[in-house]
Amino acid sequence: MRSFVTRPRAFAVLLAGTALVFSPLGGQAEAKLPADATGTPCYSPAEATSARGGQEADHRELSLAEQKSIDARTAELVAAKRARGLAPAPGKLAAASVPVYIHVMRSSSGAGDVTASQITQQIAELNQNFAGGESSAAANTGFSFYLAGTYRYNNNTWHTDGQSTTYRSQTRKGGKNALNIWLVNFSYLGIATFPWDYSGNPSIDGIRVQYSSLPGGSSTNFNLGKTATHEAGHWFGLYHTFQGGCTSTNDSVSDTPAQGSASSGCPTGRNSCSLPGVDPIHNYMDYSYDSCYNQFTPGQSSRISSMWTAYRA
């Protein structure tokens, strides 16, 4: 999950269902688990030092043992599907066109009612980002997105992400391959669920995104539509680039240098670890400003392929 900086924000770790609440005092987000939250808050706006980050979690905390168990289980599932001809051949990556359902959770007075043009621009942003269109160093993941439907609701409670388990289960569309995006007004930039959690609770699968983070929105430094990209990354099975900190396991992706903590802003040359490589501040899975983001790596693309094959194909 991400937090944004226009209003004070907080970050959330996206492991399984933790949300970081954004703190008006800026800096680090306070890690709280909303009573009805079953997802991973990603990043919340933090005024001072944090910006989109400052804390280490935007999904529920995931232990190293859990992380390794998930990776092992994923490998088993992919191998089993490959043996049945249901997975890409070795050396090949999965690819798919993902249906996207947008749920605009307006207040009774219409607050939060993003325009059709903003939604179109958001889909275009997702397509550009996942196609590697922003940098020569970026990977083309092979995944694209199309708008399958837009739904608008007038409900003050839902608008502020209240009763989130209820509203998601009542409104979610499509199957495990469908990305549902609920646009709300809350203390985070975004919250996501992981693909390996789909089978246990399919009715709440998807991402929740601060409506003002869409292209042209009012969230300063976070209004280019890249919060949805970051949260979709979690939905595909990616961790933050700072997951696990300065360890060899880190985010389970070999070509994202180990990162000791989330970045804020766009700190060129930042190096928070003694391990090789500077921090991947331009990666969509860090907590940088939208303007700083420009890539997924080939390793992340490979992980997305494995996660999709194991849990969403």
Foldseek 3Di string as FASTA:
>chain_A
DWAAAPAAFEAAAWDWWWAFFGDNQFAHTHIDGDPQTGWFAGFHAHHPFAGGYRDFHRHPADDPVRVVVVVVLLVVLQVVCVVVVLADDPPDFDADEAEEEEEQEAAQVGPRPDDPVLVVLLLVVLQCACCLNFDPQAHNLRYHYDYPYYHYDHHRCVQAPHPVLVVQLVDPDDFLRHAYEYAHAYRGQKTAHELVCCVVRVSNHHMYGHSQQGAPRDRPLRNPNLSNVQRVLRNLPWGAQQAPAQDCPRGVFNPAHHHRHAHEEADPQDARYPDDDRHPSQDSRGRYGPVSHRHDHPRSSRSSRSSCSRGPD
